[in-house]
Amino acid sequence: MTGMEVKEMCRRMGVVFDKDHPDHITVDKMKPLTPPFMEYLLADRPVYADSRRYLDIKELTIRIYSDTEVSEAEGKVQEVLEGEELRWKRSSEYIDELILWAITYRLQV
């Protein structure tokens, strides 16, 4: 998937994210938002063998910030990912500084 395809897929999830900087959300923009909201990062993960770079695997990390450990936004996120036939790994952690849960989906695209 290209960066534009990932952005369009994330738009279909219906969760607010910063369209200018989808890989992070600043504290200024976070304060007026009501959870859930999200950020995502698309990164190349190189695969090496025999001291040669063979290919890059694109890894997508989607992080949903919510005031509950299980967010209502997850259903829509999972629906879109399943529609794209993507498989993911989910984890969550509580961030004391933000007083929010960070629900993370990691997948290869």
N, C-alpha and C. Protein backbone atom coordinates (compact mmCIF):
# COMPACT_ATOMS: atom_id res chain seq x y z
N MET A 1 0.84 -1.18 0.00
CA MET A 1 0.00 0.00 0.00
C MET A 1 0.88 1.24 0.00
N THR A 2 0.43 2.24 -0.71
CA THR A 2 1.13 3.51 -0.71
C THR A 2 0.65 4.35 0.48
N GLY A 3 1.34 5.44 0.73
CA GLY A 3 0.95 6.34 1.81
C GLY A 3 -0.45 6.90 1.61
N MET A 4 -0.80 7.22 0.37
CA MET A 4 -2.14 7.76 0.08
C MET A 4 -3.22 6.69 0.29
N GLU A 5 -2.93 5.45 -0.07
CA GLU A 5 -3.89 4.37 0.13
C GLU A 5 -4.12 4.12 1.63
N VAL A 6 -3.06 4.20 2.40
CA VAL A 6 -3.19 4.02 3.86
C VAL A 6 -4.00 5.16 4.45
N LYS A 7 -3.75 6.39 3.99
CA LYS A 7 -4.49 7.55 4.50
C LYS A 7 -5.98 7.41 4.19
N GLU A 8 -6.30 6.98 2.99
CA GLU A 8 -7.70 6.79 2.60
C GLU A 8 -8.34 5.67 3.43
N MET A 9 -7.61 4.58 3.65
CA MET A 9 -8.13 3.48 4.46
C MET A 9 -8.41 3.98 5.88
N CYS A 10 -7.49 4.76 6.45
CA CYS A 10 -7.68 5.28 7.80
C CYS A 10 -8.85 6.26 7.87
N ARG A 11 -9.08 7.02 6.81
CA ARG A 11 -10.23 7.92 6.77
C ARG A 11 -11.53 7.13 6.88
N ARG A 12 -11.58 5.98 6.23
CA ARG A 12 -12.81 5.15 6.25
C ARG A 12 -13.09 4.58 7.64
N MET A 13 -12.11 4.60 8.53
CA MET A 13 -12.31 4.09 9.89
C MET A 13 -13.18 5.01 10.72
N GLY A 14 -13.31 6.26 10.31
CA GLY A 14 -14.19 7.19 11.00
C GLY A 14 -13.67 7.67 12.34
N VAL A 15 -12.37 7.55 12.58
CA VAL A 15 -11.77 8.02 13.84
C VAL A 15 -10.93 9.25 13.51
N VAL A 16 -11.06 10.30 14.29
CA VAL A 16 -10.36 11.56 14.03
C VAL A 16 -8.86 11.38 14.10
N PHE A 17 -8.13 11.94 13.11
CA PHE A 17 -6.67 12.01 13.16
C PHE A 17 -6.25 13.28 12.45
N ASP A 18 -5.04 13.74 12.74
CA ASP A 18 -4.50 14.96 12.14
C ASP A 18 -4.11 14.66 10.69
N LYS A 19 -4.83 15.22 9.75
CA LYS A 19 -4.60 14.92 8.33
C LYS A 19 -3.25 15.45 7.85
N ASP A 20 -2.73 16.50 8.50
CA ASP A 20 -1.43 17.06 8.12
C ASP A 20 -0.27 16.24 8.68
N HIS A 21 -0.44 15.72 9.88
CA HIS A 21 0.60 14.94 10.55
C HIS A 21 -0.03 13.70 11.17
N PRO A 22 -0.38 12.69 10.34
CA PRO A 22 -1.08 11.53 10.88
C PRO A 22 -0.22 10.65 11.79
N ASP A 23 1.11 10.86 11.76
CA ASP A 23 1.99 10.02 12.57
C ASP A 23 2.12 10.49 14.01
N HIS A 24 1.56 11.64 14.33
CA HIS A 24 1.57 12.10 15.72
C HIS A 24 0.47 13.13 15.90
N ILE A 25 0.10 13.34 17.13
CA ILE A 25 -0.87 14.37 17.44
C ILE A 25 -0.29 15.22 18.57
N THR A 26 -0.24 16.50 18.33
CA THR A 26 0.38 17.40 19.30
C THR A 26 -0.55 17.62 20.49
N VAL A 27 0.04 18.03 21.59
CA VAL A 27 -0.73 18.28 22.80
C VAL A 27 -1.76 19.38 22.55
N ASP A 28 -1.39 20.40 21.75
CA ASP A 28 -2.33 21.48 21.45
C ASP A 28 -3.58 20.97 20.75
N LYS A 29 -3.39 20.05 19.80
CA LYS A 29 -4.53 19.50 19.07
C LYS A 29 -5.26 18.44 19.89
N MET A 30 -4.56 17.81 20.82
CA MET A 30 -5.16 16.75 21.62
C MET A 30 -6.13 17.30 22.66
N LYS A 31 -5.81 18.44 23.24
CA LYS A 31 -6.61 18.98 24.34
C LYS A 31 -8.08 19.19 23.99
N PRO A 32 -8.41 19.80 22.83
CA PRO A 32 -9.83 20.02 22.55
C PRO A 32 -10.57 18.78 22.04
N LEU A 33 -9.86 17.69 21.74
CA LEU A 33 -10.49 16.49 21.20
C LEU A 33 -11.13 15.65 22.28
N THR A 34 -12.24 15.05 21.92
CA THR A 34 -12.88 14.08 22.79
C THR A 34 -12.48 12.69 22.29
N PRO A 35 -11.96 11.84 23.16
CA PRO A 35 -11.57 10.50 22.72
C PRO A 35 -12.79 9.75 22.18
N PRO A 36 -12.61 8.85 21.26
CA PRO A 36 -11.34 8.35 20.72
C PRO A 36 -10.84 9.19 19.55
N PHE A 37 -9.51 9.22 19.40
CA PHE A 37 -8.85 9.78 18.23
C PHE A 37 -7.63 8.93 17.98
N MET A 38 -7.02 9.09 16.80
CA MET A 38 -5.94 8.16 16.46
C MET A 38 -4.80 8.84 15.74
N GLU A 39 -3.72 8.10 15.64
CA GLU A 39 -2.57 8.48 14.82
C GLU A 39 -2.07 7.20 14.17
N TYR A 40 -1.38 7.35 13.05
CA TYR A 40 -0.83 6.15 12.41
C TYR A 40 0.53 6.46 11.82
N LEU A 41 1.33 5.42 11.69
CA LEU A 41 2.68 5.56 11.15
C LEU A 41 2.92 4.41 10.18
N LEU A 42 3.34 4.77 8.96
CA LEU A 42 3.69 3.79 7.94
C LEU A 42 5.21 3.84 7.79
N ALA A 43 5.87 2.70 8.03
CA ALA A 43 7.33 2.67 7.99
C ALA A 43 7.81 1.47 7.19
N ASP A 44 8.96 1.64 6.54
CA ASP A 44 9.60 0.53 5.82
C ASP A 44 10.48 -0.24 6.79
N ARG A 45 10.33 -1.54 6.79
CA ARG A 45 11.18 -2.42 7.59
C ARG A 45 12.00 -3.27 6.63
N PRO A 46 13.30 -2.98 6.49
CA PRO A 46 14.12 -3.73 5.54
C PRO A 46 14.36 -5.18 5.99
N VAL A 47 14.47 -6.04 5.00
CA VAL A 47 14.79 -7.45 5.24
C VAL A 47 16.17 -7.71 4.64
N TYR A 48 17.11 -8.13 5.50
CA TYR A 48 18.48 -8.39 5.08
C TYR A 48 18.78 -9.89 5.13
N ALA A 49 19.61 -10.33 4.21
CA ALA A 49 20.14 -11.69 4.24
C ALA A 49 21.46 -11.66 3.48
N ASP A 50 22.43 -12.37 3.99
CA ASP A 50 23.75 -12.42 3.36
C ASP A 50 24.32 -11.01 3.13
N SER A 51 24.11 -10.15 4.11
CA SER A 51 24.60 -8.77 4.06
C SER A 51 24.02 -7.95 2.91
N ARG A 52 22.88 -8.36 2.39
CA ARG A 52 22.21 -7.62 1.32
C ARG A 52 20.80 -7.28 1.74
N ARG A 53 20.37 -6.12 1.33
CA ARG A 53 18.99 -5.70 1.57
C ARG A 53 18.14 -6.25 0.43
N TYR A 54 17.24 -7.17 0.77
CA TYR A 54 16.44 -7.82 -0.26
C TYR A 54 15.13 -7.10 -0.55
N LEU A 55 14.46 -6.66 0.47
CA LEU A 55 13.18 -5.99 0.25
C LEU A 55 12.80 -5.18 1.49
N ASP A 56 11.83 -4.33 1.30
CA ASP A 56 11.27 -3.55 2.40
C ASP A 56 9.83 -4.01 2.62
N ILE A 57 9.52 -4.27 3.86
CA ILE A 57 8.15 -4.61 4.22
C ILE A 57 7.56 -3.37 4.88
N LYS A 58 6.41 -2.95 4.40
CA LYS A 58 5.75 -1.78 4.99
C LYS A 58 4.98 -2.23 6.23
N GLU A 59 5.28 -1.57 7.34
CA GLU A 59 4.61 -1.86 8.60
C GLU A 59 3.76 -0.67 9.00
N LEU A 60 2.51 -0.92 9.29
CA LEU A 60 1.58 0.13 9.69
C LEU A 60 1.28 -0.02 11.17
N THR A 61 1.41 1.07 11.90
CA THR A 61 1.05 1.10 13.31
C THR A 61 -0.09 2.11 13.47
N ILE A 62 -1.21 1.65 13.96
CA ILE A 62 -2.37 2.52 14.22
C ILE A 62 -2.54 2.57 15.73
N ARG A 63 -2.59 3.77 16.27
CA ARG A 63 -2.74 3.93 17.72
C ARG A 63 -4.01 4.73 17.98
N ILE A 64 -4.94 4.14 18.71
CA ILE A 64 -6.19 4.81 19.08
C ILE A 64 -6.06 5.23 20.53
N TYR A 65 -6.34 6.49 20.80
CA TYR A 65 -6.34 7.00 22.18
C TYR A 65 -7.79 7.03 22.65
N SER A 66 -8.03 6.40 23.79
CA SER A 66 -9.39 6.27 24.30
C SER A 66 -9.40 6.42 25.81
N ASP A 67 -10.55 6.78 26.34
CA ASP A 67 -10.66 6.87 27.80
C ASP A 67 -11.06 5.53 28.42
N THR A 68 -11.25 4.51 27.58
CA THR A 68 -11.53 3.16 28.06
C THR A 68 -10.56 2.18 27.40
N GLU A 69 -10.32 1.05 28.05
CA GLU A 69 -9.36 0.08 27.52
C GLU A 69 -9.85 -0.56 26.22
N VAL A 70 -11.14 -0.72 26.09
CA VAL A 70 -11.74 -1.22 24.85
C VAL A 70 -12.61 -0.09 24.32
N SER A 71 -12.26 0.42 23.15
CA SER A 71 -12.95 1.58 22.59
C SER A 71 -14.01 1.16 21.59
N GLU A 72 -15.07 1.95 21.51
CA GLU A 72 -16.10 1.68 20.51
C GLU A 72 -15.56 1.88 19.09
N ALA A 73 -14.49 2.63 18.94
CA ALA A 73 -13.88 2.86 17.63
C ALA A 73 -13.21 1.61 17.07
N GLU A 74 -12.87 0.67 17.94
CA GLU A 74 -12.17 -0.52 17.47
C GLU A 74 -12.99 -1.35 16.50
N GLY A 75 -14.28 -1.37 16.67
CA GLY A 75 -15.14 -2.14 15.76
C GLY A 75 -15.01 -1.66 14.34
N LYS A 76 -15.05 -0.36 14.13
CA LYS A 76 -14.93 0.21 12.78
C LYS A 76 -13.53 -0.01 12.22
N VAL A 77 -12.50 0.15 13.07
CA VAL A 77 -11.12 -0.07 12.64
C VAL A 77 -10.96 -1.52 12.18
N GLN A 78 -11.42 -2.45 12.98
CA GLN A 78 -11.30 -3.86 12.62
C GLN A 78 -12.11 -4.20 11.38
N GLU A 79 -13.27 -3.58 11.22
CA GLU A 79 -14.10 -3.81 10.04
C GLU A 79 -13.36 -3.38 8.76
N VAL A 80 -12.73 -2.23 8.79
CA VAL A 80 -11.98 -1.74 7.64
C VAL A 80 -10.78 -2.64 7.35
N LEU A 81 -10.03 -3.02 8.40
CA LEU A 81 -8.87 -3.89 8.22
C LEU A 81 -9.28 -5.24 7.64
N GLU A 82 -10.37 -5.80 8.15
CA GLU A 82 -10.86 -7.07 7.62
C GLU A 82 -11.32 -6.92 6.17
N GLY A 83 -11.94 -5.78 5.85
CA GLY A 83 -12.36 -5.51 4.47
C GLY A 83 -11.18 -5.45 3.51
N GLU A 84 -10.03 -5.04 4.02
CA GLU A 84 -8.80 -4.99 3.22
C GLU A 84 -8.04 -6.32 3.28
N GLU A 85 -8.60 -7.30 4.00
CA GLU A 85 -7.99 -8.62 4.19
C GLU A 85 -6.61 -8.52 4.85
N LEU A 86 -6.52 -7.66 5.85
CA LEU A 86 -5.27 -7.47 6.59
C LEU A 86 -5.40 -8.13 7.95
N ARG A 87 -4.30 -8.64 8.46
CA ARG A 87 -4.25 -9.23 9.79
C ARG A 87 -3.40 -8.35 10.68
N TRP A 88 -3.74 -8.28 11.94
CA TRP A 88 -3.09 -7.35 12.85
C TRP A 88 -2.79 -8.01 14.19
N LYS A 89 -1.98 -7.29 14.95
CA LYS A 89 -1.68 -7.65 16.34
C LYS A 89 -2.12 -6.46 17.18
N ARG A 90 -2.94 -6.72 18.20
CA ARG A 90 -3.48 -5.64 19.03
C ARG A 90 -2.83 -5.67 20.41
N SER A 91 -2.56 -4.48 20.94
CA SER A 91 -2.09 -4.36 22.32
C SER A 91 -2.66 -3.06 22.89
N SER A 92 -2.60 -2.93 24.19
CA SER A 92 -3.07 -1.69 24.82
C SER A 92 -2.23 -1.38 26.04
N GLU A 93 -2.13 -0.11 26.34
CA GLU A 93 -1.42 0.34 27.54
C GLU A 93 -2.04 1.64 28.03
N TYR A 94 -1.98 1.84 29.33
CA TYR A 94 -2.49 3.08 29.93
C TYR A 94 -1.34 4.07 30.03
N ILE A 95 -1.57 5.29 29.56
CA ILE A 95 -0.54 6.33 29.60
C ILE A 95 -0.95 7.34 30.66
N ASP A 96 -0.23 7.32 31.77
CA ASP A 96 -0.56 8.19 32.91
C ASP A 96 -0.53 9.67 32.56
N GLU A 97 0.48 10.10 31.78
CA GLU A 97 0.63 11.52 31.45
C GLU A 97 -0.57 12.05 30.67
N LEU A 98 -1.17 11.20 29.85
CA LEU A 98 -2.32 11.62 29.03
C LEU A 98 -3.65 11.29 29.68
N ILE A 99 -3.62 10.41 30.67
CA ILE A 99 -4.83 9.89 31.32
C ILE A 99 -5.72 9.25 30.27
N LEU A 100 -5.09 8.50 29.36
CA LEU A 100 -5.80 7.82 28.28
C LEU A 100 -5.19 6.44 28.03
N TRP A 101 -5.98 5.57 27.45
CA TRP A 101 -5.49 4.28 26.97
C TRP A 101 -4.99 4.46 25.55
N ALA A 102 -3.90 3.80 25.21
CA ALA A 102 -3.40 3.73 23.84
C ALA A 102 -3.60 2.31 23.36
N ILE A 103 -4.48 2.15 22.39
CA ILE A 103 -4.76 0.84 21.82
C ILE A 103 -4.03 0.79 20.48
N THR A 104 -3.11 -0.16 20.35
CA THR A 104 -2.21 -0.20 19.19
C THR A 104 -2.49 -1.42 18.33
N TYR A 105 -2.58 -1.16 17.04
CA TYR A 105 -2.69 -2.21 16.03
C TYR A 105 -1.43 -2.17 15.20
N ARG A 106 -0.76 -3.32 15.04
CA ARG A 106 0.43 -3.41 14.19
C ARG A 106 0.16 -4.43 13.10
N LEU A 107 0.48 -4.05 11.87
CA LEU A 107 0.24 -4.94 10.75
C LEU A 107 1.18 -4.63 9.60
N GLN A 108 1.27 -5.56 8.68
CA GLN A 108 2.08 -5.36 7.48
C GLN A 108 1.12 -5.09 6.32
N VAL A 109 1.48 -4.10 5.51
CA VAL A 109 0.64 -3.73 4.36
C VAL A 109 1.44 -3.77 3.08
